[in-house]
Amino acid sequence: MKRIHFFFIVLLPIQWIVIKGIQKNPQGVETYYSEGLYPFIFNFHRYFFNRIPFSVGDLLYGLGLLFFLKLLIDLFQKKISFSNVVFNGLSLFSLLLLLFQLNWGLNYYRLPLHQKLNYNLNYTEDELHFTLDQLIRKSNSLHDKLSNNDTIAVQISYARSTIAETIEREFQFDLLQFNHRPYIKNSLWNTLLSYMGYAGYLNPFTLESQANQKIPKLSYIVTTAHEMAHQLGIASEREANFIAFYTSIHHPDPFIQYAGYTFALRYCYSERFKAHPEKARKQLQNLNKGVLKNFQELSQFWEKYQNPFEPILKKGYDSYLKANGQPQGIQSYDAMVGLVVAYTLKEYKSLDKID
């Protein structure tokens, strides 16, 4: 048994060297792993885990936490030595890292989506202004359709399970060809996720995508699409956000379209506000008051679960993203704006339409 532990410990620096080499060849990762091997890996997992109604990955995480707590108790009671804990811990970490990379993690090093779509992520102030105008116009139009009054927030009457089913059934991202179908499960740890500040996540070992059932339905829609994008092998957070936006606005259900447009609107407004607060506020005056009330509902939800540990957890996730080839860390979610602007400009064919 010690030989196995020693083998995985020695494998740890070797994995680091190999990953550094793989990072330099995104086209190879794209061709041989993301588009070649990964669809088979996902479909294999899907065959087994999609048949189980609850999240197996969440259950495994719960058992892992119990095991960790027992380990701490045994260490405190001196039933095991600290050196054994470190030795076995490094071995386990190496094994999990290997499984993580082979099962899903190599998708972090695939060819960036904007290169595949020939999108320029650099945009001007006028281009962002134009994009925000289009998002406001679309959001207002859908809000007028879905609400009796422009001052009333949109309310979705059907259940989250119905939302999940219709997104699974109509998940379309025709900019790329996916030959595997995503699915979503509700997390077993919804309250815990809320206190941690997370709307959902993908389990990289079982490839189950999880959504937090407690979040407002508009957020649930884009979270479901975002986690499905991860499930399809899109590791980058900005790319998963963009796919959530794109698939939502192209969905036949107007409520889902509304969720997609308002989702991108919040991110684009935030970027506009960072550069020119007054201009951003003036532009936002064109937005229906009811849309703003939907935004307030989202803010009020997360305010209920604020706690002193959330920033620490977010810092840990920020470090995780940076360690996996996303130098912007948690800010990479905001970087979807470049993709949204590029998509909007391409849709309108010409910059001559910018006011």
Protein backbone atom coordinates (compact mmCIF):
# COMPACT_ATOMS: atom_id res chain seq x y z
CA MET A 1 0.00 0.00 0.00
CA LYS A 2 2.85 2.39 0.82
CA ARG A 3 4.28 1.79 -2.65
CA ILE A 4 1.03 2.97 -4.21
CA HIS A 5 1.04 6.11 -2.06
CA PHE A 6 4.67 6.75 -2.96
CA PHE A 7 3.88 6.28 -6.66
CA PHE A 8 1.14 8.94 -6.60
CA ILE A 9 3.33 11.36 -4.64
CA VAL A 10 6.09 11.02 -7.23
CA LEU A 11 3.43 11.46 -9.93
CA LEU A 12 2.42 14.87 -8.53
CA PRO A 13 5.34 16.94 -9.93
CA ILE A 14 5.20 14.91 -13.15
CA GLN A 15 1.56 15.91 -13.58
CA TRP A 16 2.51 19.56 -13.09
CA ILE A 17 5.19 19.36 -15.79
CA VAL A 18 2.87 17.56 -18.23
CA ILE A 19 0.07 20.10 -17.69
CA LYS A 20 2.49 22.98 -18.32
CA GLY A 21 3.35 21.34 -21.64
CA ILE A 22 -0.30 20.72 -22.54
CA GLN A 23 -1.16 24.37 -21.90
CA LYS A 24 1.11 25.33 -24.80
CA ASN A 25 -0.89 23.28 -27.31
CA PRO A 26 -4.57 24.37 -27.13
CA GLN A 27 -5.26 23.19 -30.67
CA GLY A 28 -4.10 19.69 -29.76
CA VAL A 29 -6.30 19.70 -26.64
CA GLU A 30 -9.24 20.90 -28.74
CA THR A 31 -8.81 18.25 -31.42
CA TYR A 32 -7.81 15.18 -29.45
CA TYR A 33 -9.42 15.74 -26.04
CA SER A 34 -12.29 18.28 -26.08
CA GLU A 35 -13.71 17.24 -29.46
CA GLY A 36 -12.27 13.73 -29.55
CA LEU A 37 -12.15 11.94 -26.22
CA TYR A 38 -14.31 14.09 -23.93
CA PRO A 39 -17.68 13.44 -25.66
CA PHE A 40 -17.16 9.70 -25.03
CA ILE A 41 -16.23 10.37 -21.39
CA PHE A 42 -19.31 12.52 -20.89
CA ASN A 43 -21.71 10.12 -22.61
CA PHE A 44 -20.32 7.26 -20.49
CA HIS A 45 -20.99 9.23 -17.30
CA ARG A 46 -24.36 10.41 -18.57
CA TYR A 47 -25.52 6.85 -19.22
CA PHE A 48 -25.13 5.97 -15.54
CA PHE A 49 -25.64 9.21 -13.58
CA ASN A 50 -28.54 10.69 -15.55
CA ARG A 51 -30.60 7.64 -14.58
CA ILE A 52 -30.20 8.44 -10.87
CA PRO A 53 -32.69 11.13 -9.72
CA PHE A 54 -30.44 12.70 -7.08
CA SER A 55 -26.94 14.14 -7.29
CA VAL A 56 -24.42 11.35 -6.74
CA GLY A 57 -21.60 13.88 -6.76
CA ASP A 58 -23.17 15.87 -3.93
CA LEU A 59 -23.52 12.67 -1.92
CA LEU A 60 -19.85 11.83 -2.50
CA TYR A 61 -18.84 15.34 -1.39
CA GLY A 62 -20.87 14.85 1.79
CA LEU A 63 -19.19 11.52 2.51
CA GLY A 64 -15.82 13.10 1.78
CA LEU A 65 -16.51 15.84 4.32
CA LEU A 66 -17.46 13.26 6.97
CA PHE A 67 -14.26 11.34 6.25
CA PHE A 68 -12.22 14.53 6.62
CA LEU A 69 -13.85 15.34 9.96
CA LYS A 70 -13.16 11.82 11.22
CA LEU A 71 -9.55 12.21 10.12
CA LEU A 72 -9.24 15.42 12.15
CA ILE A 73 -10.72 13.71 15.21
CA ASP A 74 -8.35 10.73 14.87
CA LEU A 75 -5.42 13.13 14.50
CA PHE A 76 -6.50 15.10 17.56
CA GLN A 77 -6.86 11.87 19.55
CA LYS A 78 -3.44 10.76 18.26
CA LYS A 79 -4.84 7.59 16.69
CA ILE A 80 -2.82 8.47 13.59
CA SER A 81 0.37 10.48 13.19
CA PHE A 82 0.64 13.82 11.42
CA SER A 83 3.30 12.45 9.05
CA ASN A 84 0.92 9.68 7.93
CA VAL A 85 -1.82 12.24 7.29
CA VAL A 86 0.51 14.33 5.11
CA PHE A 87 1.85 11.28 3.28
CA ASN A 88 -1.59 9.82 2.58
CA GLY A 89 -3.05 13.26 1.88
CA LEU A 90 -0.51 14.05 -0.83
CA SER A 91 -1.11 10.67 -2.41
CA LEU A 92 -4.88 11.19 -2.43
CA PHE A 93 -4.52 14.71 -3.80
CA SER A 94 -2.36 13.42 -6.65
CA LEU A 95 -4.91 10.71 -7.50
CA LEU A 96 -7.84 13.16 -7.46
CA LEU A 97 -5.87 15.64 -9.56
CA LEU A 98 -5.19 12.96 -12.15
CA LEU A 99 -8.85 11.94 -12.27
CA PHE A 100 -9.92 15.60 -12.46
CA GLN A 101 -7.66 16.41 -15.41
CA LEU A 102 -8.48 13.27 -17.41
CA ASN A 103 -12.21 13.39 -16.67
CA TRP A 104 -12.86 17.08 -17.40
CA GLY A 105 -10.08 19.45 -16.34
CA LEU A 106 -8.12 19.36 -19.62
CA ASN A 107 -10.95 21.41 -21.13
CA TYR A 108 -9.41 24.42 -19.39
CA TYR A 109 -6.60 24.30 -21.94
CA ARG A 110 -8.69 23.95 -25.11
CA LEU A 111 -8.80 26.51 -27.92
CA PRO A 112 -10.54 29.69 -26.68
CA LEU A 113 -14.10 30.11 -27.93
CA HIS A 114 -13.51 33.58 -29.37
CA GLN A 115 -10.81 32.18 -31.66
CA LYS A 116 -13.13 29.45 -32.92
CA LEU A 117 -15.87 32.02 -33.56
CA ASN A 118 -13.44 34.63 -34.93
CA TYR A 119 -14.60 37.19 -32.34
CA ASN A 120 -12.52 40.21 -31.39
CA LEU A 121 -12.75 40.62 -27.62
CA ASN A 122 -11.49 44.21 -27.70
CA TYR A 123 -14.28 46.75 -27.89
CA THR A 124 -14.64 50.52 -27.81
CA GLU A 125 -16.81 52.64 -25.54
CA ASP A 126 -19.23 53.24 -28.42
CA GLU A 127 -19.50 49.52 -29.11
CA LEU A 128 -20.31 48.79 -25.48
CA HIS A 129 -22.83 51.65 -25.49
CA PHE A 130 -24.48 50.21 -28.60
CA THR A 131 -24.59 46.69 -27.14
CA LEU A 132 -26.11 47.93 -23.89
CA ASP A 133 -28.74 49.85 -25.87
CA GLN A 134 -29.71 46.68 -27.75
CA LEU A 135 -29.94 44.67 -24.53
CA ILE A 136 -32.11 47.35 -22.92
CA ARG A 137 -34.37 47.45 -25.99
CA LYS A 138 -34.75 43.65 -26.07
CA SER A 139 -35.30 43.41 -22.31
CA ASN A 140 -37.96 46.13 -22.41
CA SER A 141 -39.73 44.48 -25.35
CA LEU A 142 -39.89 41.11 -23.58
CA HIS A 143 -40.86 42.74 -20.29
CA ASP A 144 -43.80 44.48 -22.00
CA LYS A 145 -44.86 41.11 -23.39
CA LEU A 146 -44.57 39.24 -20.08
CA SER A 147 -45.89 41.86 -17.66
CA ASN A 148 -49.08 43.93 -17.56
CA ASN A 149 -47.26 47.07 -16.50
CA ASP A 150 -43.75 48.40 -17.15
CA THR A 151 -43.30 49.02 -13.42
CA ILE A 152 -44.07 45.42 -12.36
CA ALA A 153 -41.40 42.71 -12.15
CA VAL A 154 -41.77 39.65 -14.38
CA GLN A 155 -42.93 36.59 -12.46
CA ILE A 156 -42.44 33.04 -13.77
CA SER A 157 -45.34 30.81 -12.74
CA TYR A 158 -44.02 27.38 -13.70
CA ALA A 159 -41.77 25.24 -11.52
CA ARG A 160 -37.99 25.00 -11.67
CA SER A 161 -38.27 21.38 -12.77
CA THR A 162 -40.26 22.54 -15.81
CA ILE A 163 -37.64 25.22 -16.52
CA ALA A 164 -34.87 22.62 -16.36
CA GLU A 165 -36.73 20.23 -18.66
CA THR A 166 -37.41 22.84 -21.33
CA ILE A 167 -33.83 24.11 -21.31
CA GLU A 168 -32.51 20.54 -21.62
CA ARG A 169 -34.90 19.86 -24.48
CA GLU A 170 -34.20 23.10 -26.37
CA PHE A 171 -30.52 23.66 -25.52
CA GLN A 172 -29.12 25.13 -28.74
CA PHE A 173 -25.68 26.53 -29.42
CA ASP A 174 -25.51 26.38 -33.19
CA LEU A 175 -22.26 28.38 -33.26
CA LEU A 176 -20.55 25.12 -32.31
CA GLN A 177 -21.51 21.52 -32.94
CA PHE A 178 -21.99 19.47 -29.76
CA ASN A 179 -22.66 15.77 -30.23
CA HIS A 180 -23.70 15.17 -26.63
CA ARG A 181 -26.72 16.40 -24.69
CA PRO A 182 -26.49 18.12 -21.29
CA TYR A 183 -28.74 17.70 -18.26
CA ILE A 184 -29.19 19.37 -14.88
CA LYS A 185 -29.83 18.14 -11.36
CA ASN A 186 -30.86 20.05 -8.27
CA SER A 187 -28.18 20.20 -5.61
CA LEU A 188 -28.61 18.35 -2.32
CA TRP A 189 -26.93 21.27 -0.55
CA ASN A 190 -29.00 24.27 -1.68
CA THR A 191 -28.85 26.21 1.59
CA LEU A 192 -25.11 25.62 1.93
CA LEU A 193 -24.56 26.78 -1.66
CA SER A 194 -26.57 29.92 -0.94
CA TYR A 195 -24.39 30.80 2.05
CA MET A 196 -21.31 30.10 -0.04
CA GLY A 197 -22.62 32.51 -2.69
CA TYR A 198 -22.93 29.92 -5.48
CA ALA A 199 -25.86 29.47 -7.85
CA GLY A 200 -24.62 26.15 -9.22
CA TYR A 201 -21.61 24.09 -10.18
CA LEU A 202 -20.38 21.11 -12.18
CA ASN A 203 -19.02 18.07 -10.40
CA PRO A 204 -15.86 17.27 -12.42
CA PHE A 205 -15.79 13.65 -11.26
CA THR A 206 -19.37 12.56 -12.03
CA LEU A 207 -19.97 15.30 -14.66
CA GLU A 208 -23.33 16.11 -13.08
CA SER A 209 -24.34 19.75 -13.38
CA GLN A 210 -26.01 21.11 -10.25
CA ALA A 211 -28.29 24.13 -9.79
CA ASN A 212 -29.27 25.77 -6.52
CA GLN A 213 -33.07 25.45 -6.17
CA LYS A 214 -33.29 28.40 -3.80
CA ILE A 215 -32.15 31.08 -6.25
CA PRO A 216 -34.78 33.21 -8.04
CA LYS A 217 -36.14 31.63 -11.21
CA LEU A 218 -34.57 34.16 -13.59
CA SER A 219 -31.19 33.32 -12.12
CA TYR A 220 -32.04 29.62 -12.13
CA ILE A 221 -32.57 29.76 -15.91
CA VAL A 222 -29.14 31.17 -16.79
CA THR A 223 -27.44 29.10 -14.08
CA THR A 224 -28.89 25.94 -15.61
CA ALA A 225 -27.65 26.93 -19.07
CA HIS A 226 -24.25 27.96 -17.64
CA GLU A 227 -23.70 24.63 -15.88
CA MET A 228 -24.85 22.72 -18.95
CA ALA A 229 -22.18 24.56 -20.95
CA HIS A 230 -19.58 23.34 -18.44
CA GLN A 231 -21.00 19.84 -18.83
CA LEU A 232 -20.41 20.04 -22.59
CA GLY A 233 -16.72 20.72 -22.00
CA ILE A 234 -16.71 24.54 -21.84
CA ALA A 235 -14.46 25.12 -18.83
CA SER A 236 -13.93 28.90 -19.09
CA GLU A 237 -16.38 30.86 -16.93
CA ARG A 238 -16.70 33.72 -19.42
CA GLU A 239 -17.44 31.25 -22.21
CA ALA A 240 -20.01 29.36 -20.11
CA ASN A 241 -21.65 32.70 -19.29
CA PHE A 242 -21.77 33.62 -22.98
CA ILE A 243 -23.26 30.26 -23.93
CA ALA A 244 -25.86 30.70 -21.17
CA PHE A 245 -26.75 34.07 -22.70
CA TYR A 246 -26.81 32.78 -26.27
CA THR A 247 -28.81 29.61 -25.63
CA SER A 248 -31.33 31.53 -23.49
CA ILE A 249 -32.05 34.28 -26.03
CA HIS A 250 -32.47 31.67 -28.79
CA HIS A 251 -34.86 29.56 -26.73
CA PRO A 252 -38.51 29.59 -27.91
CA ASP A 253 -39.83 30.43 -24.41
CA PRO A 254 -40.03 34.25 -23.90
CA PHE A 255 -39.39 33.95 -20.15
CA ILE A 256 -36.09 32.19 -20.85
CA GLN A 257 -35.25 34.79 -23.50
CA TYR A 258 -35.93 37.52 -20.94
CA ALA A 259 -33.63 35.84 -18.44
CA GLY A 260 -30.86 35.69 -21.07
CA TYR A 261 -31.10 39.33 -22.16
CA THR A 262 -31.32 40.72 -18.62
CA PHE A 263 -28.41 38.48 -17.58
CA ALA A 264 -26.13 40.02 -20.22
CA LEU A 265 -27.55 43.46 -19.53
CA ARG A 266 -26.38 43.37 -15.90
CA TYR A 267 -22.82 42.46 -16.91
CA CYS A 268 -22.63 45.03 -19.71
CA TYR A 269 -24.06 47.76 -17.49
CA SER A 270 -21.51 46.90 -14.81
CA GLU A 271 -18.65 47.31 -17.30
CA ARG A 272 -20.11 50.57 -18.61
CA PHE A 273 -20.51 51.85 -15.05
CA LYS A 274 -16.88 51.10 -14.19
CA ALA A 275 -15.66 53.40 -16.97
CA HIS A 276 -18.38 56.07 -17.02
CA PRO A 277 -20.80 55.96 -14.06
CA GLU A 278 -22.88 58.95 -15.11
CA LYS A 279 -23.26 57.84 -18.72
CA ALA A 280 -24.20 54.35 -17.54
CA ARG A 281 -26.86 55.71 -15.16
CA LYS A 282 -28.30 57.90 -17.92
CA GLN A 283 -28.48 54.93 -20.29
CA LEU A 284 -30.18 52.81 -17.65
CA GLN A 285 -32.99 55.37 -17.38
CA ASN A 286 -34.36 53.85 -20.61
CA LEU A 287 -34.92 50.51 -18.87
CA ASN A 288 -38.41 49.60 -17.65
CA LYS A 289 -38.82 49.99 -13.90
CA GLY A 290 -40.13 46.44 -13.73
CA VAL A 291 -36.81 45.07 -15.04
CA LEU A 292 -35.01 46.96 -12.30
CA LYS A 293 -37.34 45.33 -9.78
CA ASN A 294 -36.29 41.92 -11.10
CA PHE A 295 -32.68 42.96 -10.49
CA GLN A 296 -33.58 44.06 -6.97
CA GLU A 297 -35.10 40.64 -6.27
CA LEU A 298 -31.80 39.00 -7.22
CA SER A 299 -29.82 41.36 -4.98
CA GLN A 300 -32.19 40.89 -2.05
CA PHE A 301 -31.87 37.11 -2.32
CA TRP A 302 -28.08 37.13 -2.01
CA GLU A 303 -28.16 39.74 0.74
CA LYS A 304 -30.13 37.28 2.89
CA TYR A 305 -27.26 34.80 2.77
CA GLN A 306 -24.31 37.15 3.23
CA ASN A 307 -21.90 35.92 5.90
CA PRO A 308 -18.25 36.51 6.89
CA PHE A 309 -17.08 33.22 5.35
CA GLU A 310 -18.32 33.91 1.82
CA PRO A 311 -15.39 36.20 0.82
CA ILE A 312 -12.94 33.53 2.02
CA LEU A 313 -14.65 30.86 -0.08
CA LYS A 314 -14.73 33.17 -3.10
CA LYS A 315 -11.01 33.85 -2.63
CA GLY A 316 -10.37 30.11 -2.66
CA TYR A 317 -12.38 29.70 -5.86
CA ASP A 318 -10.50 32.64 -7.36
CA SER A 319 -7.22 30.83 -6.69
CA TYR A 320 -8.63 27.62 -8.17
CA LEU A 321 -9.54 29.38 -11.43
CA LYS A 322 -6.14 31.04 -11.68
CA ALA A 323 -4.43 27.70 -11.11
CA ASN A 324 -6.42 26.26 -14.02
CA GLY A 325 -5.42 28.73 -16.70
CA GLN A 326 -7.91 31.55 -16.03
CA PRO A 327 -5.64 34.46 -15.00
CA GLN A 328 -8.59 36.76 -14.32
CA GLY A 329 -9.80 34.38 -11.64
CA ILE A 330 -13.34 35.04 -10.46
CA GLN A 331 -13.41 38.18 -12.59
CA SER A 332 -13.50 35.91 -15.65
CA TYR A 333 -17.29 35.79 -15.24
CA ASP A 334 -17.35 39.51 -16.12
CA ALA A 335 -15.16 38.90 -19.16
CA MET A 336 -18.21 37.53 -21.01
CA VAL A 337 -18.91 41.16 -21.98
CA GLY A 338 -16.32 41.01 -24.77
CA LEU A 339 -18.08 37.97 -26.25
CA VAL A 340 -21.53 39.59 -25.94
CA VAL A 341 -20.32 42.79 -27.63
CA ALA A 342 -18.64 40.83 -30.44
CA TYR A 343 -21.77 38.73 -30.96
CA THR A 344 -24.05 41.80 -31.01
CA LEU A 345 -21.87 43.65 -33.51
CA LYS A 346 -21.72 40.60 -35.74
CA GLU A 347 -25.49 40.27 -35.58
CA TYR A 348 -25.96 43.84 -36.73
CA LYS A 349 -23.35 43.38 -39.48
CA SER A 350 -22.06 46.97 -39.41
CA LEU A 351 -20.83 49.50 -36.86
CA ASP A 352 -22.70 52.19 -38.84
CA LYS A 353 -25.74 51.50 -36.65
CA ILE A 354 -23.93 52.70 -33.52
CA ASP A 355 -25.42 55.97 -32.32
